[in-house]
């Protein structure tokens, strides 16, 4: 199942994150260790995921959806790496 990184910058006047979070949490599996970044495991395409998220985004906000592969590095807690290595596909 593909995993997408959803990264956002809410700049609109009414920065209510709860509707966005609720939509993202409806995904098959999700990860949220970084403030403005979620990893979403879903059979949806990036466009389908965007269509689901779109009603929560205002005109001045920014949002990026990009596919993730397990070819990564960084500094995260052990349970974050475990989620990533369990759910994110390895590169072909």
Foldseek 3Di string as FASTA:
>chain_A
DWKKKKFKDADDPDPDCVVLVVLQVVAPDKDDPDDGIMIGDHPDDPVVSCVSNVVVHDPPMDIDIDTDAPPDDDDDDPVRVVCCVVGHHHDD
